[in-house]
Amino acid sequence: MSHREFNHILTSIDGLSPEQMEQLARELQSKIAASRRSTMPFGADETAFDAAERAGLIGCIEGAPRSPTDLSTNPKHMEGFGRE
C-alpha cells in the first residue's frame, strides 16, 4: 500500500459516524488478533524448544567435520556441569 493510499483511508475515516467508527475498531482488532495467531512460531501449549526441535534446529549438525554425536557422553564436555 502506498503512502497516498494510506492517507486516503485515514481521510475517509473522518467521514464515519461514531457507530461506524466502533464497528471499524472491532473489525480491525479482530483482524490484528487473527494475524498474530497465524504468525506465531509455535502453539500456546508448545514451548520454543518444541518448535525448534520440530523444525530440526536442535541437535548436532550431521556430516560436519569432527562433529560430536553427543556431548554429554564425553566427560571432557561435562566438566563442571551443575556447579556454580
PDB file of N, CA and C in Angstrom:
ATOM      1  N   MET A   1       0.848  -1.169   0.000  1.00  0.00           N
ATOM      2  CA  MET A   1       0.000   0.000   0.000  1.00  0.00           C
ATOM      3  C   MET A   1       0.891   1.230   0.000  1.00  0.00           C
ATOM      4  N   SER A   2       0.567   2.137  -0.879  1.00  0.00           N
ATOM      5  CA  SER A   2       1.370   3.353  -0.971  1.00  0.00           C
ATOM      6  C   SER A   2       0.988   4.324   0.149  1.00  0.00           C
ATOM      7  N   HIS A   3       1.846   5.285   0.356  1.00  0.00           N
ATOM      8  CA  HIS A   3       1.600   6.321   1.361  1.00  0.00           C
ATOM      9  C   HIS A   3       0.332   7.105   1.000  1.00  0.00           C
ATOM     10  N   ARG A   4       0.159   7.350  -0.272  1.00  0.00           N
ATOM     11  CA  ARG A   4      -1.012   8.087  -0.746  1.00  0.00           C
ATOM     12  C   ARG A   4      -2.306   7.314  -0.453  1.00  0.00           C
ATOM     13  N   GLU A   5      -2.290   5.999  -0.712  1.00  0.00           N
ATOM     14  CA  GLU A   5      -3.470   5.173  -0.433  1.00  0.00           C
ATOM     15  C   GLU A   5      -3.777   5.131   1.059  1.00  0.00           C
ATOM     16  N   PHE A   6      -2.733   5.040   1.860  1.00  0.00           N
ATOM     17  CA  PHE A   6      -2.921   5.018   3.308  1.00  0.00           C
ATOM     18  C   PHE A   6      -3.545   6.321   3.792  1.00  0.00           C
ATOM     19  N   ASN A   7      -3.035   7.431   3.293  1.00  0.00           N
ATOM     20  CA  ASN A   7      -3.603   8.730   3.675  1.00  0.00           C
ATOM     21  C   ASN A   7      -5.050   8.865   3.228  1.00  0.00           C
ATOM     22  N   HIS A   8      -5.398   8.296   2.084  1.00  0.00           N
ATOM     23  CA  HIS A   8      -6.782   8.335   1.614  1.00  0.00           C
ATOM     24  C   HIS A   8      -7.696   7.590   2.593  1.00  0.00           C
ATOM     25  N   ILE A   9      -7.217   6.441   3.079  1.00  0.00           N
ATOM     26  CA  ILE A   9      -8.002   5.686   4.065  1.00  0.00           C
ATOM     27  C   ILE A   9      -8.189   6.505   5.329  1.00  0.00           C
ATOM     28  N   LEU A  10      -7.130   7.122   5.804  1.00  0.00           N
ATOM     29  CA  LEU A  10      -7.233   7.944   7.016  1.00  0.00           C
ATOM     30  C   LEU A  10      -8.208   9.096   6.830  1.00  0.00           C
ATOM     31  N   THR A  11      -8.188   9.735   5.671  1.00  0.00           N
ATOM     32  CA  THR A  11      -9.105  10.832   5.388  1.00  0.00           C
ATOM     33  C   THR A  11     -10.540  10.312   5.335  1.00  0.00           C
ATOM     34  N   SER A  12     -10.745   9.138   4.764  1.00  0.00           N
ATOM     35  CA  SER A  12     -12.084   8.560   4.669  1.00  0.00           C
ATOM     36  C   SER A  12     -12.661   8.232   6.037  1.00  0.00           C
ATOM     37  N   ILE A  13     -11.824   7.884   6.978  1.00  0.00           N
ATOM     38  CA  ILE A  13     -12.280   7.542   8.327  1.00  0.00           C
ATOM     39  C   ILE A  13     -12.960   8.744   8.987  1.00  0.00           C
ATOM     40  N   ASP A  14     -12.500   9.932   8.655  1.00  0.00           N
ATOM     41  CA  ASP A  14     -13.081  11.142   9.242  1.00  0.00           C
ATOM     42  C   ASP A  14     -14.570  11.273   8.944  1.00  0.00           C
ATOM     43  N   GLY A  15     -15.053  10.656   7.867  1.00  0.00           N
ATOM     44  CA  GLY A  15     -16.462  10.759   7.496  1.00  0.00           C
ATOM     45  C   GLY A  15     -17.346   9.712   8.140  1.00  0.00           C
ATOM     46  N   LEU A  16     -16.795   8.837   8.978  1.00  0.00           N
ATOM     47  CA  LEU A  16     -17.589   7.786   9.611  1.00  0.00           C
ATOM     48  C   LEU A  16     -18.362   8.305  10.810  1.00  0.00           C
ATOM     49  N   SER A  17     -19.530   7.716  11.028  1.00  0.00           N
ATOM     50  CA  SER A  17     -20.316   8.032  12.227  1.00  0.00           C
ATOM     51  C   SER A  17     -19.654   7.350  13.420  1.00  0.00           C
ATOM     52  N   PRO A  18     -20.007   7.748  14.643  1.00  0.00           N
ATOM     53  CA  PRO A  18     -19.436   7.083  15.827  1.00  0.00           C
ATOM     54  C   PRO A  18     -19.707   5.572  15.828  1.00  0.00           C
ATOM     55  N   GLU A  19     -20.888   5.162  15.396  1.00  0.00           N
ATOM     56  CA  GLU A  19     -21.213   3.728  15.350  1.00  0.00           C
ATOM     57  C   GLU A  19     -20.328   3.007  14.326  1.00  0.00           C
ATOM     58  N   GLN A  20     -20.143   3.621  13.182  1.00  0.00           N
ATOM     59  CA  GLN A  20     -19.287   3.038  12.157  1.00  0.00           C
ATOM     60  C   GLN A  20     -17.833   2.979  12.627  1.00  0.00           C
ATOM     61  N   MET A  21     -17.424   3.991  13.368  1.00  0.00           N
ATOM     62  CA  MET A  21     -16.058   4.021  13.908  1.00  0.00           C
ATOM     63  C   MET A  21     -15.851   2.861  14.892  1.00  0.00           C
ATOM     64  N   GLU A  22     -16.849   2.608  15.742  1.00  0.00           N
ATOM     65  CA  GLU A  22     -16.774   1.489  16.688  1.00  0.00           C
ATOM     66  C   GLU A  22     -16.724   0.162  15.937  1.00  0.00           C
ATOM     67  N   GLN A  23     -17.550   0.036  14.904  1.00  0.00           N
ATOM     68  CA  GLN A  23     -17.566  -1.192  14.108  1.00  0.00           C
ATOM     69  C   GLN A  23     -16.211  -1.410  13.427  1.00  0.00           C
ATOM     70  N   LEU A  24     -15.645  -0.358  12.895  1.00  0.00           N
ATOM     71  CA  LEU A  24     -14.334  -0.436  12.258  1.00  0.00           C
ATOM     72  C   LEU A  24     -13.266  -0.852  13.267  1.00  0.00           C
ATOM     73  N   ALA A  25     -13.324  -0.264  14.457  1.00  0.00           N
ATOM     74  CA  ALA A  25     -12.346  -0.597  15.504  1.00  0.00           C
ATOM     75  C   ALA A  25     -12.431  -2.075  15.877  1.00  0.00           C
ATOM     76  N   ARG A  26     -13.663  -2.602  16.038  1.00  0.00           N
ATOM     77  CA  ARG A  26     -13.822  -4.027  16.363  1.00  0.00           C
ATOM     78  C   ARG A  26     -13.280  -4.914  15.246  1.00  0.00           C
ATOM     79  N   GLU A  27     -13.575  -4.546  14.016  1.00  0.00           N
ATOM     80  CA  GLU A  27     -13.112  -5.329  12.873  1.00  0.00           C
ATOM     81  C   GLU A  27     -11.583  -5.335  12.779  1.00  0.00           C
ATOM     82  N   LEU A  28     -10.986  -4.175  12.992  1.00  0.00           N
ATOM     83  CA  LEU A  28      -9.522  -4.095  12.947  1.00  0.00           C
ATOM     84  C   LEU A  28      -8.885  -4.920  14.061  1.00  0.00           C
ATOM     85  N   GLN A  29      -9.459  -4.853  15.278  1.00  0.00           N
ATOM     86  CA  GLN A  29      -8.928  -5.642  16.392  1.00  0.00           C
ATOM     87  C   GLN A  29      -9.011  -7.131  16.080  1.00  0.00           C
ATOM     88  N   SER A  30     -10.102  -7.552  15.476  1.00  0.00           N
ATOM     89  CA  SER A  30     -10.275  -8.946  15.110  1.00  0.00           C
ATOM     90  C   SER A  30      -9.235  -9.373  14.072  1.00  0.00           C
ATOM     91  N   LYS A  31      -9.008  -8.539  13.076  1.00  0.00           N
ATOM     92  CA  LYS A  31      -8.029  -8.860  12.040  1.00  0.00           C
ATOM     93  C   LYS A  31      -6.602  -8.875  12.596  1.00  0.00           C
ATOM     94  N   ILE A  32      -6.308  -7.965  13.503  1.00  0.00           N
ATOM     95  CA  ILE A  32      -4.977  -7.929  14.124  1.00  0.00           C
ATOM     96  C   ILE A  32      -4.750  -9.199  14.934  1.00  0.00           C
ATOM     97  N   ALA A  33      -5.748  -9.606  15.722  1.00  0.00           N
ATOM     98  CA  ALA A  33      -5.618 -10.823  16.528  1.00  0.00           C
ATOM     99  C   ALA A  33      -5.439 -12.044  15.637  1.00  0.00           C
ATOM    100  N   ALA A  34      -6.193 -12.127  14.549  1.00  0.00           N
ATOM    101  CA  ALA A  34      -6.072 -13.262  13.627  1.00  0.00           C
ATOM    102  C   ALA A  34      -4.692 -13.288  12.978  1.00  0.00           C
ATOM    103  N   SER A  35      -4.180 -12.134  12.643  1.00  0.00           N
ATOM    104  CA  SER A  35      -2.856 -12.046  12.033  1.00  0.00           C
ATOM    105  C   SER A  35      -1.783 -12.517  12.998  1.00  0.00           C
ATOM    106  N   ARG A  36      -1.901 -12.129  14.251  1.00  0.00           N
ATOM    107  CA  ARG A  36      -0.917 -12.548  15.260  1.00  0.00           C
ATOM    108  C   ARG A  36      -0.961 -14.053  15.464  1.00  0.00           C
ATOM    109  N   ARG A  37      -2.165 -14.624  15.479  1.00  0.00           N
ATOM    110  CA  ARG A  37      -2.287 -16.071  15.667  1.00  0.00           C
ATOM    111  C   ARG A  37      -1.651 -16.826  14.510  1.00  0.00           C
ATOM    112  N   SER A  38      -1.810 -16.315  13.298  1.00  0.00           N
ATOM    113  CA  SER A  38      -1.294 -17.036  12.138  1.00  0.00           C
ATOM    114  C   SER A  38       0.217 -16.915  11.983  1.00  0.00           C
ATOM    115  N   THR A  39       0.830 -15.934  12.640  1.00  0.00           N
ATOM    116  CA  THR A  39       2.273 -15.749  12.511  1.00  0.00           C
ATOM    117  C   THR A  39       3.056 -16.236  13.720  1.00  0.00           C
ATOM    118  N   MET A  40       2.359 -16.802  14.711  1.00  0.00           N
ATOM    119  CA  MET A  40       3.072 -17.298  15.894  1.00  0.00           C
ATOM    120  C   MET A  40       3.920 -18.503  15.510  1.00  0.00           C
ATOM    121  N   PRO A  41       5.181 -18.548  15.955  1.00  0.00           N
ATOM    122  CA  PRO A  41       6.067 -19.638  15.572  1.00  0.00           C
ATOM    123  C   PRO A  41       5.707 -20.975  16.217  1.00  0.00           C
ATOM    124  N   PHE A  42       4.952 -20.954  17.315  1.00  0.00           N
ATOM    125  CA  PHE A  42       4.564 -22.198  17.965  1.00  0.00           C
ATOM    126  C   PHE A  42       3.248 -21.982  18.689  1.00  0.00           C
ATOM    127  N   GLY A  43       2.562 -23.080  18.969  1.00  0.00           N
ATOM    128  CA  GLY A  43       1.251 -23.019  19.597  1.00  0.00           C
ATOM    129  C   GLY A  43       1.317 -22.653  21.061  1.00  0.00           C
ATOM    130  N   ALA A  44       0.150 -22.401  21.656  1.00  0.00           N
ATOM    131  CA  ALA A  44       0.064 -21.982  23.054  1.00  0.00           C
ATOM    132  C   ALA A  44       0.587 -23.055  24.005  1.00  0.00           C
ATOM    133  N   ASP A  45       0.401 -24.324  23.651  1.00  0.00           N
ATOM    134  CA  ASP A  45       0.851 -25.399  24.528  1.00  0.00           C
ATOM    135  C   ASP A  45       2.204 -25.973  24.100  1.00  0.00           C
ATOM    136  N   GLU A  46       2.840 -25.331  23.136  1.00  0.00           N
ATOM    137  CA  GLU A  46       4.134 -25.786  22.644  1.00  0.00           C
ATOM    138  C   GLU A  46       5.212 -24.808  23.083  1.00  0.00           C
ATOM    139  N   THR A  47       6.323 -25.336  23.573  1.00  0.00           N
ATOM    140  CA  THR A  47       7.419 -24.477  24.003  1.00  0.00           C
ATOM    141  C   THR A  47       8.279 -24.086  22.803  1.00  0.00           C
ATOM    142  N   ALA A  48       9.119 -23.101  22.993  1.00  0.00           N
ATOM    143  CA  ALA A  48      10.053 -22.694  21.942  1.00  0.00           C
ATOM    144  C   ALA A  48      10.992 -23.852  21.610  1.00  0.00           C
ATOM    145  N   PHE A  49      11.381 -24.627  22.634  1.00  0.00           N
ATOM    146  CA  PHE A  49      12.241 -25.791  22.404  1.00  0.00           C
ATOM    147  C   PHE A  49      11.540 -26.793  21.499  1.00  0.00           C
ATOM    148  N   ASP A  50      10.244 -27.060  21.781  1.00  0.00           N
ATOM    149  CA  ASP A  50       9.477 -27.996  20.952  1.00  0.00           C
ATOM    150  C   ASP A  50       9.427 -27.533  19.500  1.00  0.00           C
ATOM    151  N   ALA A  51       9.189 -26.240  19.300  1.00  0.00           N
ATOM    152  CA  ALA A  51       9.111 -25.698  17.938  1.00  0.00           C
ATOM    153  C   ALA A  51      10.457 -25.805  17.226  1.00  0.00           C
ATOM    154  N   ALA A  52      11.544 -25.510  17.948  1.00  0.00           N
ATOM    155  CA  ALA A  52      12.880 -25.598  17.350  1.00  0.00           C
ATOM    156  C   ALA A  52      13.229 -27.044  17.033  1.00  0.00           C
ATOM    157  N   GLU A  53      12.843 -27.946  17.909  1.00  0.00           N
ATOM    158  CA  GLU A  53      13.109 -29.360  17.664  1.00  0.00           C
ATOM    159  C   GLU A  53      12.305 -29.850  16.454  1.00  0.00           C
ATOM    160  N   ARG A  54      11.038 -29.446  16.381  1.00  0.00           N
ATOM    161  CA  ARG A  54      10.191 -29.823  15.252  1.00  0.00           C
ATOM    162  C   ARG A  54      10.775 -29.306  13.937  1.00  0.00           C
ATOM    163  N   ALA A  55      11.389 -28.130  13.984  1.00  0.00           N
ATOM    164  CA  ALA A  55      11.976 -27.522  12.790  1.00  0.00           C
ATOM    165  C   ALA A  55      13.355 -28.104  12.456  1.00  0.00           C
ATOM    166  N   GLY A  56      13.843 -29.003  13.315  1.00  0.00           N
ATOM    167  CA  GLY A  56      15.141 -29.622  13.058  1.00  0.00           C
ATOM    168  C   GLY A  56      16.320 -28.765  13.468  1.00  0.00           C
ATOM    169  N   LEU A  57      16.096 -27.821  14.378  1.00  0.00           N
ATOM    170  CA  LEU A  57      17.169 -26.920  14.794  1.00  0.00           C
ATOM    171  C   LEU A  57      17.883 -27.377  16.054  1.00  0.00           C
ATOM    172  N   ILE A  58      17.410 -28.434  16.670  1.00  0.00           N
ATOM    173  CA  ILE A  58      18.011 -28.936  17.900  1.00  0.00           C
ATOM    174  C   ILE A  58      18.872 -30.143  17.562  1.00  0.00           C
ATOM    175  N   GLY A  59      20.092 -30.149  18.063  1.00  0.00           N
ATOM    176  CA  GLY A  59      20.976 -31.287  17.853  1.00  0.00           C
ATOM    177  C   GLY A  59      22.235 -30.890  17.110  1.00  0.00           C
ATOM    178  N   CYS A  60      23.073 -31.867  16.858  1.00  0.00           N
ATOM    179  CA  CYS A  60      24.326 -31.628  16.161  1.00  0.00           C
ATOM    180  C   CYS A  60      24.093 -31.549  14.661  1.00  0.00           C
ATOM    181  N   ILE A  61      24.997 -30.900  13.988  1.00  0.00           N
ATOM    182  CA  ILE A  61      24.942 -30.817  12.537  1.00  0.00           C
ATOM    183  C   ILE A  61      25.499 -32.111  11.980  1.00  0.00           C
ATOM    184  N   GLU A  62      24.651 -32.851  11.286  1.00  0.00           N
ATOM    185  CA  GLU A  62      25.090 -34.131  10.743  1.00  0.00           C
ATOM    186  C   GLU A  62      26.053 -33.911   9.585  1.00  0.00           C
ATOM    187  N   GLY A  63      27.105 -34.697   9.568  1.00  0.00           N
ATOM    188  CA  GLY A  63      28.046 -34.653   8.470  1.00  0.00           C
ATOM    189  C   GLY A  63      29.103 -33.575   8.572  1.00  0.00           C
ATOM    190  N   ALA A  64      29.044 -32.751   9.611  1.00  0.00           N
ATOM    191  CA  ALA A  64      30.061 -31.717   9.768  1.00  0.00           C
ATOM    192  C   ALA A  64      31.367 -32.380  10.203  1.00  0.00           C
ATOM    193  N   PRO A  65      32.491 -31.880   9.709  1.00  0.00           N
ATOM    194  CA  PRO A  65      33.772 -32.484  10.092  1.00  0.00           C
ATOM    195  C   PRO A  65      33.982 -32.424  11.604  1.00  0.00           C
ATOM    196  N   ARG A  66      34.365 -33.526  12.158  1.00  0.00           N
ATOM    197  CA  ARG A  66      34.661 -33.666  13.592  1.00  0.00           C
ATOM    198  C   ARG A  66      33.492 -33.279  14.485  1.00  0.00           C
ATOM    199  N   SER A  67      32.257 -33.402  14.012  1.00  0.00           N
ATOM    200  CA  SER A  67      31.115 -33.058  14.863  1.00  0.00           C
ATOM    201  C   SER A  67      30.853 -34.197  15.838  1.00  0.00           C
ATOM    202  N   PRO A  68      30.681 -33.856  17.115  1.00  0.00           N
ATOM    203  CA  PRO A  68      30.432 -34.899  18.112  1.00  0.00           C
ATOM    204  C   PRO A  68      29.016 -35.449  17.951  1.00  0.00           C
ATOM    205  N   THR A  69      28.832 -36.699  18.345  1.00  0.00           N
ATOM    206  CA  THR A  69      27.496 -37.277  18.259  1.00  0.00           C
ATOM    207  C   THR A  69      26.670 -36.891  19.479  1.00  0.00           C
ATOM    208  N   ASP A  70      27.289 -36.846  20.641  1.00  0.00           N
ATOM    209  CA  ASP A  70      26.565 -36.488  21.858  1.00  0.00           C
ATOM    210  C   ASP A  70      27.559 -35.944  22.876  1.00  0.00           C
ATOM    211  N   LEU A  71      27.513 -34.665  23.131  1.00  0.00           N
ATOM    212  CA  LEU A  71      28.470 -34.043  24.041  1.00  0.00           C
ATOM    213  C   LEU A  71      28.360 -34.584  25.457  1.00  0.00           C
ATOM    214  N   SER A  72      27.173 -35.031  25.860  1.00  0.00           N
ATOM    215  CA  SER A  72      27.002 -35.486  27.241  1.00  0.00           C
ATOM    216  C   SER A  72      27.728 -36.801  27.518  1.00  0.00           C
ATOM    217  N   THR A  73      28.130 -37.531  26.484  1.00  0.00           N
ATOM    218  CA  THR A  73      28.841 -38.800  26.710  1.00  0.00           C
ATOM    219  C   THR A  73      30.345 -38.593  26.839  1.00  0.00           C
ATOM    220  N   ASN A  74      30.820 -37.392  26.559  1.00  0.00           N
ATOM    221  CA  ASN A  74      32.252 -37.115  26.651  1.00  0.00           C
ATOM    222  C   ASN A  74      32.511 -36.399  27.975  1.00  0.00           C
ATOM    223  N   PRO A  75      33.210 -37.049  28.910  1.00  0.00           N
ATOM    224  CA  PRO A  75      33.449 -36.446  30.221  1.00  0.00           C
ATOM    225  C   PRO A  75      34.106 -35.069  30.138  1.00  0.00           C
ATOM    226  N   LYS A  76      34.942 -34.845  29.124  1.00  0.00           N
ATOM    227  CA  LYS A  76      35.621 -33.559  28.968  1.00  0.00           C
ATOM    228  C   LYS A  76      34.589 -32.417  28.823  1.00  0.00           C
ATOM    229  N   HIS A  77      33.508 -32.670  28.117  1.00  0.00           N
ATOM    230  CA  HIS A  77      32.488 -31.641  27.905  1.00  0.00           C
ATOM    231  C   HIS A  77      31.580 -31.452  29.110  1.00  0.00           C
ATOM    232  N   MET A  78      31.585 -32.396  30.028  1.00  0.00           N
ATOM    233  CA  MET A  78      30.708 -32.322  31.176  1.00  0.00           C
ATOM    234  C   MET A  78      31.420 -31.810  32.427  1.00  0.00           C
ATOM    235  N   GLU A  79      32.712 -31.479  32.326  1.00  0.00           N
ATOM    236  CA  GLU A  79      33.464 -30.970  33.469  1.00  0.00           C
ATOM    237  C   GLU A  79      32.810 -29.712  34.023  1.00  0.00           C
ATOM    238  N   GLY A  80      32.539 -29.702  35.310  1.00  0.00           N
ATOM    239  CA  GLY A  80      31.970 -28.534  35.974  1.00  0.00           C
ATOM    240  C   GLY A  80      30.477 -28.348  35.757  1.00  0.00           C
ATOM    241  N   PHE A  81      29.855 -29.249  35.044  1.00  0.00           N
ATOM    242  CA  PHE A  81      28.407 -29.121  34.797  1.00  0.00           C
ATOM    243  C   PHE A  81      27.649 -29.222  36.106  1.00  0.00           C
ATOM    244  N   GLY A  82      26.751 -28.299  36.347  1.00  0.00           N
ATOM    245  CA  GLY A  82      25.931 -28.306  37.564  1.00  0.00           C
ATOM    246  C   GLY A  82      26.571 -27.593  38.747  1.00  0.00           C
ATOM    247  N   ARG A  83      27.780 -27.097  38.573  1.00  0.00           N
ATOM    248  CA  ARG A  83      28.451 -26.349  39.631  1.00  0.00           C
ATOM    249  C   ARG A  83      28.388 -24.860  39.319  1.00  0.00           C
ATOM    250  N   GLU A  84      28.441 -24.076  40.353  1.00  0.00           N
ATOM    251  CA  GLU A  84      28.424 -22.625  40.151  1.00  0.00           C
ATOM    252  C   GLU A  84      29.786 -22.075  39.903  1.00  0.00           C
TER     253      GLU A  84
END
